Protein backbone atom coordinates (compact mmCIF):
# COMPACT_ATOMS: atom_id res chain seq x y z
CA MET A 1 107.11 -4.79 -124.49
CA PRO A 2 108.58 -7.33 -123.05
CA ARG A 3 111.76 -9.10 -124.94
CA PRO A 4 110.51 -12.86 -125.04
CA ALA A 5 112.00 -15.42 -122.86
CA ARG A 6 115.26 -16.30 -123.87
CA CYS A 7 114.78 -20.38 -125.31
CA THR A 8 117.08 -22.74 -123.40
CA ARG A 9 116.81 -27.01 -123.45
CA ALA A 10 114.85 -28.17 -120.89
CA PRO A 11 117.14 -29.40 -116.97
CA VAL A 12 116.89 -32.95 -116.62
CA VAL A 13 115.87 -34.47 -113.27
CA THR A 14 117.23 -37.09 -112.48
CA ARG A 15 115.97 -39.97 -110.34
CA PRO A 16 116.28 -39.46 -106.46
CA HIS A 17 119.35 -40.81 -106.37
CA GLY A 18 120.14 -44.16 -106.01
CA GLN A 19 118.48 -44.03 -109.67
CA ALA A 20 120.16 -42.32 -111.41
CA SER A 21 120.62 -42.73 -115.19
CA GLY A 22 118.89 -46.19 -114.08
CA GLN A 23 121.78 -46.69 -112.33
CA ALA A 24 122.52 -48.33 -108.77
CA HIS A 25 123.53 -46.26 -106.32
CA GLY A 26 127.57 -45.42 -106.82
CA GLN A 27 127.15 -47.35 -110.24
CA GLY A 28 129.48 -45.44 -112.52
CA SER A 29 131.52 -47.53 -115.46
CA GLY A 30 134.82 -48.76 -116.46
CA ASN A 31 137.29 -49.73 -113.20
CA MET A 32 134.48 -46.68 -111.44
CA THR A 33 133.99 -47.81 -107.04
CA ASP A 34 132.11 -46.59 -104.48
CA GLN A 35 134.33 -46.01 -102.46
CA LEU A 36 136.16 -42.74 -102.82
CA THR A 37 139.19 -40.10 -101.90
CA VAL A 38 136.38 -37.47 -101.67
CA SER A 39 138.01 -33.45 -99.81
CA VAL A 40 135.52 -31.31 -98.69
CA LEU A 41 137.05 -27.68 -98.37
CA GLY A 42 134.94 -25.35 -96.45
CA THR A 43 133.18 -26.71 -93.53
CA GLY A 44 130.59 -24.68 -92.26
CA ILE A 45 127.05 -25.29 -91.79
CA MET A 46 126.90 -26.70 -94.99
CA GLY A 47 129.72 -28.32 -95.87
CA ALA A 48 130.20 -30.41 -92.37
CA ALA A 49 127.23 -32.21 -92.86
CA MET A 50 128.06 -32.81 -96.61
CA ALA A 51 131.86 -34.10 -95.69
CA ARG A 52 129.35 -36.06 -92.42
CA ASN A 53 127.73 -37.76 -94.64
CA LEU A 54 130.27 -38.52 -97.42
CA ALA A 55 132.27 -40.78 -94.72
CA ARG A 56 128.99 -42.61 -93.32
CA ALA A 57 128.36 -43.18 -97.41
CA GLY A 58 131.75 -45.26 -97.04
CA HIS A 59 133.98 -42.43 -98.19
CA THR A 60 137.40 -41.56 -97.94
CA VAL A 61 136.84 -37.83 -97.11
CA ARG A 62 139.85 -35.16 -95.81
CA ALA A 63 138.47 -31.57 -94.98
CA TRP A 64 139.37 -27.87 -94.42
CA ASN A 65 138.73 -24.36 -93.13
CA ARG A 66 140.23 -21.41 -92.30
CA SER A 67 139.16 -22.33 -89.30
CA ARG A 68 140.01 -25.45 -87.87
CA ALA A 69 138.36 -25.03 -84.69
CA LYS A 70 134.76 -26.12 -86.74
CA ALA A 71 136.93 -29.35 -88.83
CA GLU A 72 137.57 -30.30 -85.46
CA PRO A 73 133.73 -32.63 -84.69
CA LEU A 74 134.38 -34.00 -88.29
CA ALA A 75 137.13 -36.87 -86.51
CA ALA A 76 134.36 -37.89 -84.58
CA ASP A 77 132.82 -39.08 -87.55
CA GLY A 78 135.68 -40.97 -89.61
CA VAL A 79 135.97 -37.16 -92.08
CA THR A 80 140.30 -36.60 -91.36
CA VAL A 81 141.28 -32.75 -90.33
CA ALA A 82 143.61 -31.16 -92.32
CA GLY A 83 145.93 -27.94 -91.65
CA THR A 84 145.61 -27.45 -95.30
CA PRO A 85 143.96 -27.24 -98.84
CA ALA A 86 146.69 -28.46 -100.07
CA GLU A 87 147.11 -31.55 -97.87
CA ALA A 88 143.19 -31.82 -97.77
CA VAL A 89 143.18 -32.14 -102.04
CA THR A 90 146.08 -34.59 -102.65
CA ASP A 91 145.19 -38.05 -104.36
CA ALA A 92 141.76 -37.18 -103.98
CA ASP A 93 139.08 -38.00 -106.52
CA VAL A 94 136.57 -35.64 -106.27
CA VAL A 95 137.06 -32.51 -104.90
CA LEU A 96 133.88 -30.29 -103.41
CA THR A 97 134.18 -26.34 -102.29
CA MET A 98 131.76 -25.51 -100.82
CA LEU A 99 133.45 -22.06 -99.35
CA TYR A 100 131.54 -18.03 -99.12
CA ASP A 101 131.81 -16.30 -102.58
CA GLY A 102 133.62 -16.86 -104.86
CA PRO A 103 137.28 -14.92 -104.32
CA ALA A 104 137.55 -17.47 -101.28
CA VAL A 105 136.62 -20.00 -103.60
CA LEU A 106 139.36 -19.59 -105.88
CA ASP A 107 141.80 -18.24 -103.20
CA VAL A 108 141.64 -21.83 -101.50
CA MET A 109 141.89 -23.49 -105.31
CA ARG A 110 144.77 -21.66 -105.53
CA GLN A 111 146.52 -22.68 -101.87
CA ALA A 112 145.20 -26.39 -103.32
CA ALA A 113 146.63 -26.63 -106.64
CA PRO A 114 149.83 -27.92 -106.53
CA ALA A 115 148.10 -31.00 -104.81
CA LEU A 116 145.66 -31.33 -107.22
CA ARG A 117 145.89 -34.22 -109.03
CA GLU A 118 145.27 -34.48 -112.87
CA GLY A 119 141.75 -35.50 -114.17
CA ALA A 120 140.59 -34.68 -110.88
CA ALA A 121 136.96 -34.35 -110.64
CA TRP A 122 135.45 -30.73 -109.20
CA VAL A 123 131.97 -30.42 -107.48
CA GLN A 124 131.95 -26.27 -106.90
CA SER A 125 128.53 -26.14 -104.24
CA THR A 126 129.29 -22.03 -103.62
CA THR A 127 126.61 -19.53 -104.56
CA VAL A 128 129.95 -17.55 -106.11
CA GLY A 129 127.34 -15.72 -108.57
CA VAL A 130 127.26 -16.09 -112.26
CA GLU A 131 130.35 -13.61 -112.93
CA ALA A 132 132.49 -15.47 -110.82
CA ILE A 133 131.99 -18.67 -112.56
CA ALA A 134 134.21 -18.45 -115.53
CA ASP A 135 137.15 -17.39 -113.53
CA LEU A 136 136.39 -20.82 -111.76
CA ALA A 137 136.53 -22.77 -114.97
CA GLY A 138 139.51 -20.62 -116.54
CA PHE A 139 141.15 -22.01 -112.79
CA ALA A 140 139.84 -26.34 -113.55
CA ARG A 141 140.65 -26.23 -117.08
CA GLU A 142 144.20 -24.64 -116.30
CA HIS A 143 144.64 -27.41 -113.52
CA ALA A 144 143.58 -30.65 -115.86
CA LEU A 145 139.80 -30.35 -113.25
CA VAL A 146 136.56 -31.48 -114.30
CA PHE A 147 134.53 -28.48 -113.02
CA PHE A 148 131.16 -29.11 -111.76
CA ASP A 149 128.93 -26.08 -111.69
CA ALA A 150 127.01 -27.79 -108.33
CA PRO A 151 125.47 -25.78 -106.69
CA VAL A 152 122.67 -26.44 -103.27
CA LEU A 153 119.46 -25.88 -102.68
CA GLY A 154 118.68 -26.91 -99.23
CA THR A 155 119.10 -25.66 -95.71
CA ARG A 156 120.89 -27.27 -92.76
CA GLN A 157 118.03 -29.69 -91.69
CA PRO A 158 118.41 -31.62 -95.39
CA ALA A 159 122.28 -31.50 -95.40
CA GLU A 160 122.79 -33.47 -92.23
CA ALA A 161 119.76 -36.12 -93.43
CA GLY A 162 121.85 -36.46 -96.71
CA GLU A 163 118.28 -34.18 -99.06
CA LEU A 164 119.21 -31.12 -100.48
CA LEU A 165 118.42 -30.68 -103.94
CA VAL A 166 121.82 -30.97 -106.60
CA LEU A 167 121.17 -28.19 -108.87
CA ALA A 168 124.77 -29.44 -111.32
CA ALA A 169 126.27 -28.93 -114.79
CA GLY A 170 129.09 -30.60 -116.20
CA PRO A 171 130.62 -33.51 -119.08
CA GLU A 172 127.70 -35.79 -119.29
CA GLU A 173 130.50 -38.42 -119.63
CA GLY A 174 132.09 -37.44 -116.11
CA ARG A 175 129.24 -37.60 -113.96
CA ALA A 176 129.66 -41.27 -112.43
CA ALA A 177 132.37 -40.31 -110.95
CA VAL A 178 130.88 -37.78 -108.76
CA ALA A 179 127.65 -39.63 -108.82
CA PRO A 180 128.50 -41.55 -105.82
CA VAL A 181 129.34 -37.82 -103.88
CA LEU A 182 125.81 -36.59 -105.49
CA ASN A 183 123.98 -39.61 -103.65
CA ALA A 184 125.47 -39.13 -100.43
CA VAL A 185 124.82 -35.07 -100.11
CA GLY A 186 121.54 -35.27 -101.99
CA ALA A 187 118.29 -36.33 -102.33
CA ARG A 188 118.66 -35.66 -106.35
CA THR A 189 119.63 -34.32 -108.90
CA VAL A 190 118.49 -31.96 -111.99
CA TRP A 191 121.37 -31.44 -114.34
CA THR A 192 120.85 -27.94 -116.45
CA GLY A 193 122.89 -28.74 -118.71
CA GLU A 194 126.59 -30.28 -120.17
CA ASP A 195 129.35 -26.98 -119.35
CA GLY A 196 129.63 -25.82 -116.19
CA ALA A 197 131.57 -22.38 -117.64
CA GLU A 198 127.93 -21.59 -118.84
CA ALA A 199 126.58 -21.82 -114.83
CA GLY A 200 123.53 -23.36 -115.86
CA ALA A 201 123.19 -24.28 -112.64
CA THR A 202 124.14 -21.11 -110.34
CA ARG A 203 121.80 -19.34 -112.59
CA LEU A 204 119.06 -21.76 -111.35
CA LYS A 205 120.32 -20.82 -108.19
CA LEU A 206 119.57 -17.69 -108.20
CA VAL A 207 116.78 -17.66 -109.22
CA ALA A 208 115.32 -20.52 -106.74
CA ASN A 209 117.16 -18.36 -104.14
CA SER A 210 115.45 -15.30 -105.01
CA TRP A 211 112.10 -16.87 -103.91
CA VAL A 212 113.41 -18.05 -100.59
CA ILE A 213 114.66 -13.80 -99.68
CA ALA A 214 111.83 -12.54 -100.76
CA ALA A 215 110.01 -15.17 -98.65
CA THR A 216 111.77 -14.09 -95.85
CA ALA A 217 111.83 -11.12 -96.39
CA ALA A 218 107.91 -10.58 -96.95
CA LEU A 219 107.39 -12.90 -93.57
CA GLY A 220 109.97 -10.89 -91.77
CA GLU A 221 107.62 -8.31 -92.40
CA VAL A 222 104.38 -9.65 -92.12
CA LEU A 223 104.92 -10.35 -88.37
CA ALA A 224 106.97 -7.15 -88.19
CA LEU A 225 103.83 -5.38 -88.44
CA ALA A 226 101.63 -7.61 -87.04
CA ARG A 227 103.16 -6.37 -83.57
CA GLY A 228 103.47 -3.40 -84.76
CA LEU A 229 99.80 -3.21 -84.80
CA GLY A 230 98.65 -4.74 -82.06
CA VAL A 231 97.57 -8.33 -83.59
CA GLU A 232 98.39 -11.55 -82.56
CA PRO A 233 99.98 -13.69 -85.06
CA ARG A 234 97.87 -16.59 -84.13
CA HIS A 235 95.26 -15.21 -85.77
CA PHE A 236 96.61 -14.47 -89.01
CA PHE A 237 97.72 -17.64 -89.28
CA ASP A 238 94.16 -18.65 -88.39
CA ALA A 239 92.72 -16.71 -91.15
CA ILE A 240 95.29 -18.47 -93.44
CA ALA A 241 95.33 -21.55 -92.87
CA GLY A 242 94.86 -24.50 -95.90
CA GLY A 243 94.25 -21.32 -98.34
CA PRO A 244 96.26 -20.52 -101.32
CA LEU A 245 98.39 -17.61 -99.05
CA ASP A 246 99.48 -20.55 -97.07
CA MET A 247 103.26 -22.23 -96.93
CA GLY A 248 104.50 -24.53 -95.00
CA TYR A 249 107.87 -21.90 -95.40
CA LEU A 250 106.09 -19.45 -93.86
CA ARG A 251 104.76 -21.08 -90.56
CA ALA A 252 108.41 -22.68 -90.67
CA LYS A 253 110.29 -19.52 -90.31
CA SER A 254 107.60 -17.87 -88.59
CA SER A 255 107.94 -20.01 -86.04
CA LEU A 256 111.91 -19.42 -85.72
CA ILE A 257 111.04 -15.43 -84.93
CA LEU A 258 108.11 -16.29 -82.05
CA HIS A 259 109.45 -19.06 -80.26
CA ASP A 260 113.01 -17.27 -80.67
CA GLN A 261 115.00 -20.21 -81.86
CA LEU A 262 117.09 -18.51 -84.58
CA THR A 263 120.63 -20.32 -83.13
CA PRO A 264 122.23 -22.37 -84.59
CA PRO A 265 120.74 -21.25 -88.19
CA GLN A 266 119.78 -22.68 -90.51
CA PHE A 267 120.21 -20.31 -93.57
CA ALA A 268 122.63 -17.04 -91.56
CA VAL A 269 121.30 -13.52 -92.40
CA ASP A 270 125.15 -12.29 -92.94
CA THR A 271 125.41 -15.45 -95.91
CA ALA A 272 121.68 -14.58 -96.59
CA ALA A 273 122.78 -11.05 -97.73
CA LYS A 274 125.58 -12.36 -99.85
CA ASP A 275 123.30 -13.74 -101.73
CA ALA A 276 120.74 -11.41 -102.34
CA ARG A 277 123.66 -8.94 -103.87
CA LEU A 278 124.63 -11.60 -105.78
CA ILE A 279 120.45 -11.92 -107.56
CA VAL A 280 120.40 -8.60 -107.90
CA ARG A 281 124.00 -7.42 -109.71
CA ALA A 282 122.82 -10.71 -112.08
CA GLY A 283 119.69 -8.70 -112.63
CA GLU A 284 121.57 -5.96 -113.53
CA LYS A 285 123.73 -7.66 -115.82
CA SER A 286 121.00 -8.96 -117.59
CA GLY A 287 119.09 -6.86 -117.79
CA VAL A 288 116.65 -6.81 -115.19
CA ARG A 289 115.66 -4.67 -112.24
CA LEU A 290 114.59 -6.03 -109.33
CA ASP A 291 113.79 -3.82 -106.56
CA VAL A 292 112.47 -6.95 -103.97
CA ALA A 293 115.75 -8.00 -104.36
CA GLU A 294 117.70 -5.28 -103.78
CA ALA A 295 115.31 -3.96 -100.72
CA ALA A 296 115.75 -7.29 -99.72
CA ALA A 297 119.34 -7.33 -99.37
CA ARG A 298 119.15 -4.25 -97.58
CA ARG A 299 117.31 -5.98 -94.86
CA LEU A 300 119.44 -8.71 -94.43
CA GLU A 301 121.91 -6.67 -94.05
CA ARG A 302 120.75 -4.14 -91.26
CA ALA A 303 120.37 -6.15 -89.44
CA ALA A 304 123.98 -8.37 -89.52
CA ALA A 305 124.65 -4.65 -88.58
CA GLN A 306 121.89 -4.81 -85.76
CA GLY A 307 123.98 -8.13 -84.48
CA HIS A 308 121.73 -10.60 -86.13
CA ALA A 309 124.12 -11.53 -88.99
CA ASP A 310 125.18 -15.46 -87.66
CA GLU A 311 121.33 -16.07 -86.79
CA ASP A 312 119.13 -17.57 -89.29
CA MET A 313 117.89 -15.27 -92.20
CA ALA A 314 114.54 -15.31 -90.11
CA ALA A 315 115.76 -12.88 -88.02
CA ALA A 316 115.67 -10.14 -90.89
CA TYR A 317 112.31 -9.89 -89.42
CA PHE A 318 114.50 -6.94 -86.82
CA ALA A 319 115.28 -4.32 -89.38
CA SER A 320 112.14 -3.77 -89.26
CA PHE A 321 112.37 -1.95 -85.79
CA PRO A 322 115.25 0.54 -84.82
CA GLN A 323 118.40 -1.22 -83.14
CA ASP A 324 117.72 -0.65 -79.47
CA ASP A 325 113.81 -2.73 -80.30
CA ALA A 326 115.61 -5.51 -82.16
């Protein structure tokens, strides 16, 4: 008999940014103003877009990336490119991390530690998995930072448009301080709790990503099977058109494969493989077997080994074929 689901408080979904909690865009309490000094650590696909949107919203933005060349183009958008994490976070009101994984976040924050301002807010948006949150929250406590577990849902296009969905957990009394940042990078926020150390937002992110990864693996196999059987993909899409099996996501990702538009990636194979492994690990720790996530992780890793690591995650399609045919 399956165990009953644990009862938890329902997430709080804000109205679109600018109206969250009944406040105007950027409106906080006390002497909080709309303009903040924000440090963005990590300027890959998502971090670069977030930095640009923060600068466009009028904030003072300093960005750092391990490979400085990837951050340099942000200077044209009014972002100051810093040479070290410590330089980037000096006097920052809010530090936003968008790096590869938990160990990378902790390493970079340790480099930034000497310049962190006591009481600054830390918006941790990297998908790090449940276990890593304890270490990151512990670092925040040691350095008197206000910790927000705040991963995002969305890919390159919504990130560039400032229309990400922010999943967040953190103290209610500190939310006004980060509202202008969330307003700039996202369309709305789902608040899952008041203690970021509980990883409520990260747990929700893993659940959502498990669906995204499963759907992407399935569409790749559909197109691979069509190729193997000599079926014209258009006939498949005609067959499901307008019915319950039709999905905008299926058509969008399939189009990337069929029209050879896998670069630049919306969400790269290598990053998706990392997230799939985090999902499998979270399931194992919770006593849940996730066969589809495990298989999807192997497909993504195989595609990466075939040379598709930096392409869109839809390139897992190629894992269905020998490398010579991919």
